[in-house]
Amino acid sequence: MFGPVTARFAEQNLQPQRAAGACLAFNADGDTDFQIKPGVAWEDVVQRLPDGWRPDVLVLWPAYGTVPECLWQAPLPRIALATDWHLQWHHYRGRVGQCDLFVTDAPGAEVLRRQGFPQARAGILCGLEWEFLELACSPPRCGEGLGEGTGLTAGVTPLVRPRIVYVSYRKLKVQPIL
């Protein structure tokens, strides 16, 4: 089980795993594979799972959302994929101890380990979605005027300076331009 995530996130990032039946994406809205509302008990979640399907692990995406409390207590291994640790430090610090593995970027993992959380690990959690890669890999839609096989994109995260990346879709390399 992976979530809580939006329907778009599930479509763009989890589709192969969902199609194979290896993953159920969830959220409170009910527009993904499975709905888990705040306040529900873990036993109720298990009863509503598809026949014969049981999760081996919970992969939690706590950034800018609410993970139902029952999932923090569920009798399964928990892996949190925690983006923007520097903006959500106080929330994450209170939850990292409830996880078997807590993945964030390298500086965040280092700070958490120094704070006594050995389950913190560094990982790359942000990247381009399939929709962008499909567009980038089908010239001449992007990259016009920048040389063959190149393009620019910009992304702005709230409270974070804009990030601009150079994309070479021939080699699928991504480099920051600062």
N, C-alpha and C. Protein backbone atom coordinates (compact mmCIF):
# COMPACT_ATOMS: atom_id res chain seq x y z
N MET A 1 0.86 -1.18 0.00
CA MET A 1 0.00 0.00 0.00
C MET A 1 0.90 1.23 0.00
N PHE A 2 0.50 2.22 -0.76
CA PHE A 2 1.31 3.42 -0.94
C PHE A 2 0.39 4.63 -0.85
N GLY A 3 0.72 5.55 0.06
CA GLY A 3 -0.07 6.76 0.14
C GLY A 3 0.13 7.50 1.45
N PRO A 4 -0.68 8.49 1.68
CA PRO A 4 -1.74 8.99 0.82
C PRO A 4 -1.17 9.80 -0.34
N VAL A 5 -1.71 9.54 -1.51
CA VAL A 5 -1.28 10.23 -2.73
C VAL A 5 -2.50 10.64 -3.54
N THR A 6 -2.31 11.61 -4.41
CA THR A 6 -3.38 12.03 -5.30
C THR A 6 -3.54 11.00 -6.42
N ALA A 7 -4.67 11.07 -7.08
CA ALA A 7 -4.91 10.18 -8.22
C ALA A 7 -3.86 10.42 -9.30
N ARG A 8 -3.50 11.68 -9.52
CA ARG A 8 -2.48 11.98 -10.54
C ARG A 8 -1.13 11.38 -10.15
N PHE A 9 -0.74 11.51 -8.89
CA PHE A 9 0.53 10.93 -8.45
C PHE A 9 0.52 9.42 -8.69
N ALA A 10 -0.57 8.77 -8.33
CA ALA A 10 -0.66 7.32 -8.51
C ALA A 10 -0.54 6.95 -9.99
N GLU A 11 -1.21 7.71 -10.84
CA GLU A 11 -1.17 7.44 -12.28
C GLU A 11 0.23 7.64 -12.85
N GLN A 12 0.88 8.71 -12.45
CA GLN A 12 2.17 9.07 -13.03
C GLN A 12 3.35 8.31 -12.43
N ASN A 13 3.23 7.82 -11.19
CA ASN A 13 4.38 7.25 -10.52
C ASN A 13 4.23 5.80 -10.09
N LEU A 14 3.03 5.28 -10.04
CA LEU A 14 2.82 3.93 -9.51
C LEU A 14 2.09 3.00 -10.48
N GLN A 15 1.85 3.45 -11.70
CA GLN A 15 1.00 2.69 -12.60
C GLN A 15 1.48 1.26 -12.87
N PRO A 16 2.75 1.01 -13.16
CA PRO A 16 3.17 -0.38 -13.42
C PRO A 16 2.94 -1.30 -12.22
N GLN A 17 3.22 -0.81 -11.02
CA GLN A 17 3.03 -1.61 -9.82
C GLN A 17 1.55 -1.85 -9.54
N ARG A 18 0.73 -0.85 -9.79
CA ARG A 18 -0.71 -0.99 -9.59
C ARG A 18 -1.29 -1.95 -10.61
N ALA A 19 -0.88 -1.85 -11.86
CA ALA A 19 -1.40 -2.73 -12.91
C ALA A 19 -1.04 -4.19 -12.65
N ALA A 20 0.12 -4.42 -12.05
CA ALA A 20 0.55 -5.78 -11.73
C ALA A 20 -0.11 -6.32 -10.47
N GLY A 21 -0.85 -5.49 -9.75
CA GLY A 21 -1.50 -5.92 -8.51
C GLY A 21 -0.57 -5.95 -7.32
N ALA A 22 0.62 -5.36 -7.47
CA ALA A 22 1.61 -5.35 -6.39
C ALA A 22 1.42 -4.19 -5.43
N CYS A 23 0.60 -3.22 -5.79
CA CYS A 23 0.47 -2.00 -5.00
C CYS A 23 -0.95 -1.46 -5.08
N LEU A 24 -1.46 -1.01 -3.96
CA LEU A 24 -2.70 -0.25 -3.92
C LEU A 24 -2.36 1.17 -3.49
N ALA A 25 -2.67 2.14 -4.32
CA ALA A 25 -2.50 3.54 -3.92
C ALA A 25 -3.75 3.94 -3.12
N PHE A 26 -3.54 4.73 -2.08
CA PHE A 26 -4.68 5.13 -1.25
C PHE A 26 -4.65 6.60 -0.93
N ASN A 27 -5.84 7.11 -0.60
CA ASN A 27 -6.00 8.46 -0.07
C ASN A 27 -7.36 8.55 0.62
N ALA A 28 -7.66 9.70 1.18
CA ALA A 28 -8.94 9.89 1.87
C ALA A 28 -10.06 10.24 0.91
N ASP A 29 -9.72 10.74 -0.27
CA ASP A 29 -10.74 11.18 -1.24
C ASP A 29 -11.43 10.02 -1.94
N GLY A 30 -10.78 8.87 -2.02
CA GLY A 30 -11.38 7.73 -2.69
C GLY A 30 -11.22 7.72 -4.20
N ASP A 31 -10.34 8.56 -4.75
CA ASP A 31 -10.15 8.58 -6.20
C ASP A 31 -8.90 7.82 -6.65
N THR A 32 -8.35 7.01 -5.77
CA THR A 32 -7.25 6.10 -6.14
C THR A 32 -7.79 4.67 -5.99
N ASP A 33 -6.91 3.71 -5.77
CA ASP A 33 -7.33 2.31 -5.67
C ASP A 33 -8.12 2.01 -4.41
N PHE A 34 -7.83 2.76 -3.35
CA PHE A 34 -8.39 2.41 -2.04
C PHE A 34 -8.56 3.67 -1.22
N GLN A 35 -9.63 3.74 -0.47
CA GLN A 35 -9.90 4.92 0.37
C GLN A 35 -9.65 4.58 1.83
N ILE A 36 -8.88 5.43 2.50
CA ILE A 36 -8.68 5.33 3.94
C ILE A 36 -8.91 6.72 4.52
N LYS A 37 -10.00 6.87 5.23
CA LYS A 37 -10.34 8.16 5.82
C LYS A 37 -9.70 8.29 7.20
N PRO A 38 -9.44 9.52 7.64
CA PRO A 38 -8.94 9.72 9.01
C PRO A 38 -9.94 9.14 10.02
N GLY A 39 -9.41 8.60 11.10
CA GLY A 39 -10.25 8.09 12.17
C GLY A 39 -10.67 6.63 12.02
N VAL A 40 -10.36 6.01 10.91
CA VAL A 40 -10.73 4.61 10.71
C VAL A 40 -9.74 3.70 11.46
N ALA A 41 -10.19 2.54 11.88
CA ALA A 41 -9.32 1.59 12.57
C ALA A 41 -8.64 0.67 11.56
N TRP A 42 -7.44 0.19 11.89
CA TRP A 42 -6.70 -0.70 11.00
C TRP A 42 -7.52 -1.95 10.66
N GLU A 43 -8.24 -2.49 11.62
CA GLU A 43 -9.05 -3.69 11.38
C GLU A 43 -10.10 -3.42 10.30
N ASP A 44 -10.65 -2.22 10.28
CA ASP A 44 -11.62 -1.85 9.24
C ASP A 44 -10.96 -1.76 7.87
N VAL A 45 -9.75 -1.24 7.84
CA VAL A 45 -9.00 -1.16 6.58
C VAL A 45 -8.79 -2.57 6.03
N VAL A 46 -8.32 -3.48 6.87
CA VAL A 46 -8.03 -4.85 6.44
C VAL A 46 -9.30 -5.53 5.91
N GLN A 47 -10.42 -5.33 6.56
CA GLN A 47 -11.68 -5.94 6.13
C GLN A 47 -12.12 -5.47 4.75
N ARG A 48 -11.76 -4.25 4.39
CA ARG A 48 -12.19 -3.70 3.10
C ARG A 48 -11.20 -3.96 1.96
N LEU A 49 -10.05 -4.54 2.26
CA LEU A 49 -9.08 -4.83 1.21
C LEU A 49 -9.66 -5.83 0.21
N PRO A 50 -9.20 -5.78 -1.04
CA PRO A 50 -9.69 -6.76 -2.02
C PRO A 50 -9.44 -8.20 -1.55
N ASP A 51 -10.33 -9.10 -1.94
CA ASP A 51 -10.20 -10.51 -1.56
C ASP A 51 -8.84 -11.05 -1.94
N GLY A 52 -8.18 -11.66 -0.96
CA GLY A 52 -6.89 -12.30 -1.21
C GLY A 52 -5.70 -11.35 -1.26
N TRP A 53 -5.94 -10.06 -1.12
CA TRP A 53 -4.83 -9.09 -1.19
C TRP A 53 -4.52 -8.58 0.20
N ARG A 54 -3.26 -8.71 0.60
CA ARG A 54 -2.80 -8.17 1.88
C ARG A 54 -1.46 -7.48 1.65
N PRO A 55 -1.28 -6.32 2.24
CA PRO A 55 0.00 -5.62 2.05
C PRO A 55 1.13 -6.29 2.83
N ASP A 56 2.32 -6.27 2.26
CA ASP A 56 3.52 -6.73 2.95
C ASP A 56 4.18 -5.59 3.71
N VAL A 57 3.93 -4.37 3.24
CA VAL A 57 4.58 -3.19 3.79
C VAL A 57 3.68 -1.98 3.52
N LEU A 58 3.78 -0.97 4.35
CA LEU A 58 3.12 0.30 4.11
C LEU A 58 4.17 1.31 3.69
N VAL A 59 3.99 1.90 2.53
CA VAL A 59 4.87 2.97 2.08
C VAL A 59 4.07 4.26 2.24
N LEU A 60 4.53 5.09 3.15
CA LEU A 60 3.79 6.31 3.50
C LEU A 60 4.43 7.53 2.85
N TRP A 61 3.59 8.41 2.36
CA TRP A 61 4.01 9.66 1.70
C TRP A 61 3.43 10.80 2.54
N PRO A 62 4.12 11.18 3.63
CA PRO A 62 3.53 12.13 4.59
C PRO A 62 3.61 13.60 4.21
N ALA A 63 4.29 13.93 3.14
CA ALA A 63 4.49 15.35 2.79
C ALA A 63 3.18 16.03 2.44
N TYR A 64 2.91 17.13 3.11
CA TYR A 64 1.77 18.01 2.81
C TYR A 64 0.43 17.28 2.83
N GLY A 65 0.31 16.27 3.64
CA GLY A 65 -0.94 15.54 3.74
C GLY A 65 -1.08 14.93 5.12
N THR A 66 -2.17 14.18 5.31
CA THR A 66 -2.42 13.55 6.59
C THR A 66 -2.46 12.04 6.40
N VAL A 67 -1.54 11.36 7.05
CA VAL A 67 -1.54 9.90 7.06
C VAL A 67 -2.49 9.48 8.17
N PRO A 68 -3.49 8.66 7.86
CA PRO A 68 -4.41 8.22 8.92
C PRO A 68 -3.66 7.58 10.08
N GLU A 69 -4.07 7.90 11.28
CA GLU A 69 -3.38 7.45 12.49
C GLU A 69 -3.24 5.94 12.55
N CYS A 70 -4.24 5.21 12.07
CA CYS A 70 -4.18 3.74 12.15
C CYS A 70 -2.99 3.17 11.38
N LEU A 71 -2.51 3.89 10.38
CA LEU A 71 -1.38 3.38 9.59
C LEU A 71 -0.06 3.52 10.34
N TRP A 72 0.02 4.49 11.23
CA TRP A 72 1.23 4.64 12.05
C TRP A 72 1.32 3.53 13.09
N GLN A 73 0.20 2.88 13.36
CA GLN A 73 0.16 1.81 14.38
C GLN A 73 -0.03 0.42 13.76
N ALA A 74 -0.23 0.32 12.47
CA ALA A 74 -0.52 -0.96 11.81
C ALA A 74 0.61 -1.96 12.04
N PRO A 75 0.27 -3.25 12.14
CA PRO A 75 1.28 -4.29 12.39
C PRO A 75 2.02 -4.71 11.13
N LEU A 76 2.57 -3.74 10.44
CA LEU A 76 3.33 -3.97 9.21
C LEU A 76 4.58 -3.11 9.24
N PRO A 77 5.61 -3.49 8.49
CA PRO A 77 6.75 -2.58 8.35
C PRO A 77 6.29 -1.29 7.67
N ARG A 78 6.81 -0.16 8.14
CA ARG A 78 6.47 1.15 7.59
C ARG A 78 7.72 1.80 7.00
N ILE A 79 7.56 2.27 5.77
CA ILE A 79 8.60 3.03 5.10
C ILE A 79 8.00 4.39 4.77
N ALA A 80 8.61 5.45 5.26
CA ALA A 80 8.14 6.80 4.93
C ALA A 80 9.07 7.39 3.89
N LEU A 81 8.50 7.94 2.85
CA LEU A 81 9.25 8.67 1.82
C LEU A 81 8.93 10.14 2.03
N ALA A 82 9.87 10.84 2.64
CA ALA A 82 9.60 12.17 3.19
C ALA A 82 10.33 13.26 2.43
N THR A 83 9.60 13.92 1.54
CA THR A 83 10.19 15.04 0.80
C THR A 83 10.15 16.31 1.66
N ASP A 84 10.95 17.27 1.28
CA ASP A 84 10.98 18.59 1.92
C ASP A 84 11.12 18.53 3.44
N TRP A 85 12.07 17.74 3.90
CA TRP A 85 12.28 17.59 5.35
C TRP A 85 12.55 18.94 6.01
N HIS A 86 13.24 19.83 5.30
CA HIS A 86 13.60 21.13 5.88
C HIS A 86 12.37 22.01 6.11
N LEU A 87 11.27 21.74 5.43
CA LEU A 87 10.04 22.50 5.63
C LEU A 87 9.08 21.80 6.59
N GLN A 88 9.28 20.50 6.80
CA GLN A 88 8.35 19.73 7.63
C GLN A 88 9.06 19.03 8.78
N TRP A 89 10.16 19.61 9.20
CA TRP A 89 11.01 19.02 10.22
C TRP A 89 10.25 18.62 11.48
N HIS A 90 9.44 19.49 12.02
CA HIS A 90 8.78 19.21 13.30
C HIS A 90 7.79 18.04 13.18
N HIS A 91 7.08 17.97 12.09
CA HIS A 91 6.17 16.84 11.87
C HIS A 91 6.94 15.54 11.69
N TYR A 92 7.93 15.56 10.83
CA TYR A 92 8.70 14.34 10.55
C TYR A 92 9.42 13.83 11.79
N ARG A 93 10.00 14.73 12.54
CA ARG A 93 10.76 14.33 13.73
C ARG A 93 9.88 13.56 14.71
N GLY A 94 8.60 13.89 14.76
CA GLY A 94 7.69 13.18 15.64
C GLY A 94 7.22 11.84 15.10
N ARG A 95 7.45 11.57 13.82
CA ARG A 95 6.97 10.32 13.20
C ARG A 95 8.09 9.35 12.80
N VAL A 96 9.30 9.82 12.67
CA VAL A 96 10.37 8.96 12.18
C VAL A 96 10.58 7.73 13.06
N GLY A 97 10.37 7.86 14.36
CA GLY A 97 10.53 6.74 15.27
C GLY A 97 9.50 5.63 15.08
N GLN A 98 8.41 5.93 14.37
CA GLN A 98 7.37 4.94 14.11
C GLN A 98 7.59 4.20 12.79
N CYS A 99 8.71 4.49 12.15
CA CYS A 99 9.00 3.88 10.85
C CYS A 99 10.18 2.92 10.95
N ASP A 100 10.12 1.88 10.15
CA ASP A 100 11.25 0.96 10.04
C ASP A 100 12.33 1.54 9.14
N LEU A 101 11.90 2.36 8.19
CA LEU A 101 12.82 3.04 7.29
C LEU A 101 12.22 4.40 7.00
N PHE A 102 13.05 5.44 7.05
CA PHE A 102 12.59 6.80 6.81
C PHE A 102 13.52 7.41 5.78
N VAL A 103 13.03 7.59 4.57
CA VAL A 103 13.86 8.04 3.45
C VAL A 103 13.58 9.51 3.17
N THR A 104 14.64 10.29 3.10
CA THR A 104 14.57 11.70 2.75
C THR A 104 15.84 12.04 1.97
N ASP A 105 16.07 13.31 1.67
CA ASP A 105 17.30 13.62 0.94
C ASP A 105 18.52 13.48 1.85
N ALA A 106 19.70 13.54 1.27
CA ALA A 106 20.94 13.28 2.03
C ALA A 106 21.13 14.20 3.23
N PRO A 107 20.97 15.52 3.08
CA PRO A 107 21.14 16.36 4.28
C PRO A 107 20.13 16.04 5.37
N GLY A 108 18.88 15.76 5.00
CA GLY A 108 17.86 15.42 5.98
C GLY A 108 18.16 14.12 6.70
N ALA A 109 18.61 13.12 5.95
CA ALA A 109 18.96 11.84 6.56
C ALA A 109 20.12 12.01 7.54
N GLU A 110 21.09 12.82 7.18
CA GLU A 110 22.23 13.07 8.07
C GLU A 110 21.79 13.75 9.37
N VAL A 111 20.92 14.76 9.26
CA VAL A 111 20.44 15.46 10.44
C VAL A 111 19.62 14.51 11.33
N LEU A 112 18.77 13.72 10.73
CA LEU A 112 17.95 12.78 11.52
C LEU A 112 18.82 11.73 12.21
N ARG A 113 19.84 11.21 11.54
CA ARG A 113 20.72 10.24 12.19
C ARG A 113 21.47 10.88 13.36
N ARG A 114 21.88 12.14 13.19
CA ARG A 114 22.54 12.85 14.30
C ARG A 114 21.59 13.05 15.47
N GLN A 115 20.29 13.12 15.19
CA GLN A 115 19.28 13.30 16.24
C GLN A 115 18.89 11.96 16.88
N GLY A 116 19.54 10.87 16.46
CA GLY A 116 19.29 9.58 17.08
C GLY A 116 18.31 8.67 16.36
N PHE A 117 18.11 8.89 15.06
CA PHE A 117 17.20 8.06 14.27
C PHE A 117 18.00 7.26 13.24
N PRO A 118 18.47 6.07 13.61
CA PRO A 118 19.31 5.29 12.70
C PRO A 118 18.56 4.77 11.47
N GLN A 119 17.23 4.78 11.50
CA GLN A 119 16.46 4.30 10.35
C GLN A 119 16.37 5.32 9.22
N ALA A 120 16.92 6.51 9.41
CA ALA A 120 16.91 7.54 8.37
C ALA A 120 17.92 7.18 7.28
N ARG A 121 17.48 7.25 6.04
CA ARG A 121 18.33 6.95 4.89
C ARG A 121 18.15 8.02 3.83
N ALA A 122 19.19 8.22 3.05
CA ALA A 122 19.14 9.19 1.95
C ALA A 122 18.59 8.52 0.70
N GLY A 123 17.77 9.26 -0.01
CA GLY A 123 17.23 8.78 -1.27
C GLY A 123 16.80 9.94 -2.14
N ILE A 124 16.67 9.68 -3.42
CA ILE A 124 16.19 10.70 -4.36
C ILE A 124 14.69 10.47 -4.52
N LEU A 125 13.88 11.41 -4.05
CA LEU A 125 12.44 11.23 -4.02
C LEU A 125 11.70 12.12 -5.01
N CYS A 126 12.38 13.01 -5.67
CA CYS A 126 11.72 13.91 -6.61
C CYS A 126 12.32 13.70 -7.99
N GLY A 127 11.48 13.76 -8.99
CA GLY A 127 11.95 13.62 -10.36
C GLY A 127 10.84 13.95 -11.33
N LEU A 128 11.11 13.70 -12.57
CA LEU A 128 10.14 13.99 -13.62
C LEU A 128 9.10 12.88 -13.71
N GLU A 129 7.86 13.26 -13.94
CA GLU A 129 6.80 12.28 -14.11
C GLU A 129 6.84 11.72 -15.53
N TRP A 130 6.19 10.58 -15.73
CA TRP A 130 6.17 9.92 -17.04
C TRP A 130 5.61 10.82 -18.12
N GLU A 131 4.59 11.59 -17.79
CA GLU A 131 3.99 12.47 -18.78
C GLU A 131 5.02 13.43 -19.37
N PHE A 132 5.87 13.99 -18.52
CA PHE A 132 6.90 14.90 -19.01
C PHE A 132 7.93 14.15 -19.83
N LEU A 133 8.35 12.99 -19.36
CA LEU A 133 9.35 12.22 -20.09
C LEU A 133 8.84 11.81 -21.46
N GLU A 134 7.57 11.44 -21.56
CA GLU A 134 7.00 11.09 -22.85
C GLU A 134 7.03 12.28 -23.80
N LEU A 135 6.69 13.46 -23.29
CA LEU A 135 6.74 14.66 -24.11
C LEU A 135 8.18 15.00 -24.50
N ALA A 136 9.07 14.91 -23.54
CA ALA A 136 10.47 15.27 -23.79
C ALA A 136 11.12 14.32 -24.78
N CYS A 137 10.66 13.09 -24.83
CA CYS A 137 11.27 12.10 -25.71
C CYS A 137 10.60 12.03 -27.07
N SER A 138 9.72 12.96 -27.38
CA SER A 138 9.06 12.95 -28.68
C SER A 138 9.27 14.30 -29.37
N PRO A 139 10.46 14.51 -29.95
CA PRO A 139 10.72 15.77 -30.63
C PRO A 139 9.76 15.93 -31.80
N PRO A 140 9.49 17.10 -32.28
CA PRO A 140 10.12 18.37 -31.95
C PRO A 140 9.33 19.18 -30.93
N ARG A 141 8.57 18.58 -30.08
CA ARG A 141 7.68 19.30 -29.17
C ARG A 141 8.42 20.19 -28.19
N CYS A 142 9.60 19.77 -27.74
CA CYS A 142 10.36 20.64 -26.85
C CYS A 142 11.78 20.72 -27.36
N GLY A 143 12.52 21.62 -26.83
CA GLY A 143 13.91 21.74 -27.22
C GLY A 143 14.14 22.58 -28.45
N GLU A 144 13.09 23.11 -29.03
CA GLU A 144 13.28 23.92 -30.22
C GLU A 144 14.09 25.15 -29.89
N GLY A 145 15.12 25.40 -30.67
CA GLY A 145 15.95 26.57 -30.46
C GLY A 145 17.04 26.37 -29.42
N LEU A 146 17.08 25.22 -28.75
CA LEU A 146 18.08 24.97 -27.72
C LEU A 146 19.09 23.93 -28.16
N GLY A 147 18.99 23.47 -29.37
CA GLY A 147 19.87 22.41 -29.84
C GLY A 147 19.10 21.10 -29.84
N GLU A 148 19.57 20.18 -30.62
CA GLU A 148 18.85 18.92 -30.77
C GLU A 148 18.79 18.15 -29.46
N GLY A 149 17.59 17.72 -29.10
CA GLY A 149 17.42 16.86 -27.94
C GLY A 149 17.53 17.54 -26.59
N THR A 150 17.20 18.81 -26.50
CA THR A 150 17.30 19.49 -25.21
C THR A 150 16.02 20.25 -24.91
N GLY A 151 15.84 20.60 -23.66
CA GLY A 151 14.69 21.40 -23.27
C GLY A 151 14.92 21.99 -21.90
N LEU A 152 14.10 22.93 -21.54
CA LEU A 152 14.17 23.54 -20.21
C LEU A 152 12.81 23.40 -19.54
N THR A 153 12.83 23.22 -18.27
CA THR A 153 11.60 23.23 -17.49
C THR A 153 11.89 23.91 -16.17
N ALA A 154 10.89 24.49 -15.58
CA ALA A 154 11.06 25.15 -14.28
C ALA A 154 9.98 24.66 -13.34
N GLY A 155 10.33 24.50 -12.10
CA GLY A 155 9.35 24.09 -11.10
C GLY A 155 9.51 24.96 -9.88
N VAL A 156 8.40 25.34 -9.27
CA VAL A 156 8.43 26.14 -8.07
C VAL A 156 7.66 25.39 -6.99
N THR A 157 8.31 25.14 -5.89
CA THR A 157 7.68 24.52 -4.73
C THR A 157 7.40 25.64 -3.75
N PRO A 158 6.26 25.61 -3.06
CA PRO A 158 5.99 26.68 -2.09
C PRO A 158 7.14 26.87 -1.11
N LEU A 159 7.51 28.09 -0.87
CA LEU A 159 8.55 28.48 0.07
C LEU A 159 9.96 28.05 -0.35
N VAL A 160 10.12 27.57 -1.56
CA VAL A 160 11.43 27.13 -2.03
C VAL A 160 11.75 27.90 -3.31
N ARG A 161 13.01 28.26 -3.49
CA ARG A 161 13.37 29.02 -4.69
C ARG A 161 13.10 28.18 -5.94
N PRO A 162 12.82 28.82 -7.06
CA PRO A 162 12.55 28.07 -8.29
C PRO A 162 13.73 27.17 -8.65
N ARG A 163 13.40 26.02 -9.19
CA ARG A 163 14.42 25.09 -9.66
C ARG A 163 14.31 25.01 -11.17
N ILE A 164 15.41 25.18 -11.84
CA ILE A 164 15.42 25.06 -13.30
C ILE A 164 16.35 23.93 -13.65
N VAL A 165 15.90 23.05 -14.51
CA VAL A 165 16.74 21.92 -14.89
C VAL A 165 16.89 21.88 -16.41
N TYR A 166 18.03 21.39 -16.83
CA TYR A 166 18.33 21.16 -18.23
C TYR A 166 18.11 19.68 -18.48
N VAL A 167 17.34 19.37 -19.48
CA VAL A 167 17.00 17.97 -19.75
C VAL A 167 17.53 17.59 -21.12
N SER A 168 18.33 16.58 -21.16
CA SER A 168 18.77 16.00 -22.41
C SER A 168 18.01 14.70 -22.59
N TYR A 169 17.02 14.70 -23.46
CA TYR A 169 16.19 13.51 -23.57
C TYR A 169 16.85 12.42 -24.41
N ARG A 170 17.94 12.72 -25.05
CA ARG A 170 18.67 11.65 -25.74
C ARG A 170 19.35 10.73 -24.75
N LYS A 171 19.88 11.29 -23.68
CA LYS A 171 20.58 10.49 -22.67
C LYS A 171 19.83 10.49 -21.34
N LEU A 172 18.69 11.18 -21.28
CA LEU A 172 17.88 11.30 -20.06
C LEU A 172 18.71 11.72 -18.86
N LYS A 173 19.52 12.76 -19.06
CA LYS A 173 20.28 13.33 -17.97
C LYS A 173 19.55 14.58 -17.48
N VAL A 174 19.62 14.83 -16.21
CA VAL A 174 19.02 16.02 -15.64
C VAL A 174 20.09 16.73 -14.84
N GLN A 175 20.31 18.00 -15.16
CA GLN A 175 21.32 18.79 -14.44
C GLN A 175 20.69 20.09 -13.99
N PRO A 176 20.92 20.49 -12.73
CA PRO A 176 20.41 21.79 -12.29
C PRO A 176 21.17 22.92 -12.96
N ILE A 177 20.46 23.96 -13.30
CA ILE A 177 21.07 25.20 -13.80
C ILE A 177 20.78 26.25 -12.74
N LEU A 178 21.80 26.72 -12.09
CA LEU A 178 21.59 27.69 -11.01
C LEU A 178 22.07 29.06 -11.41
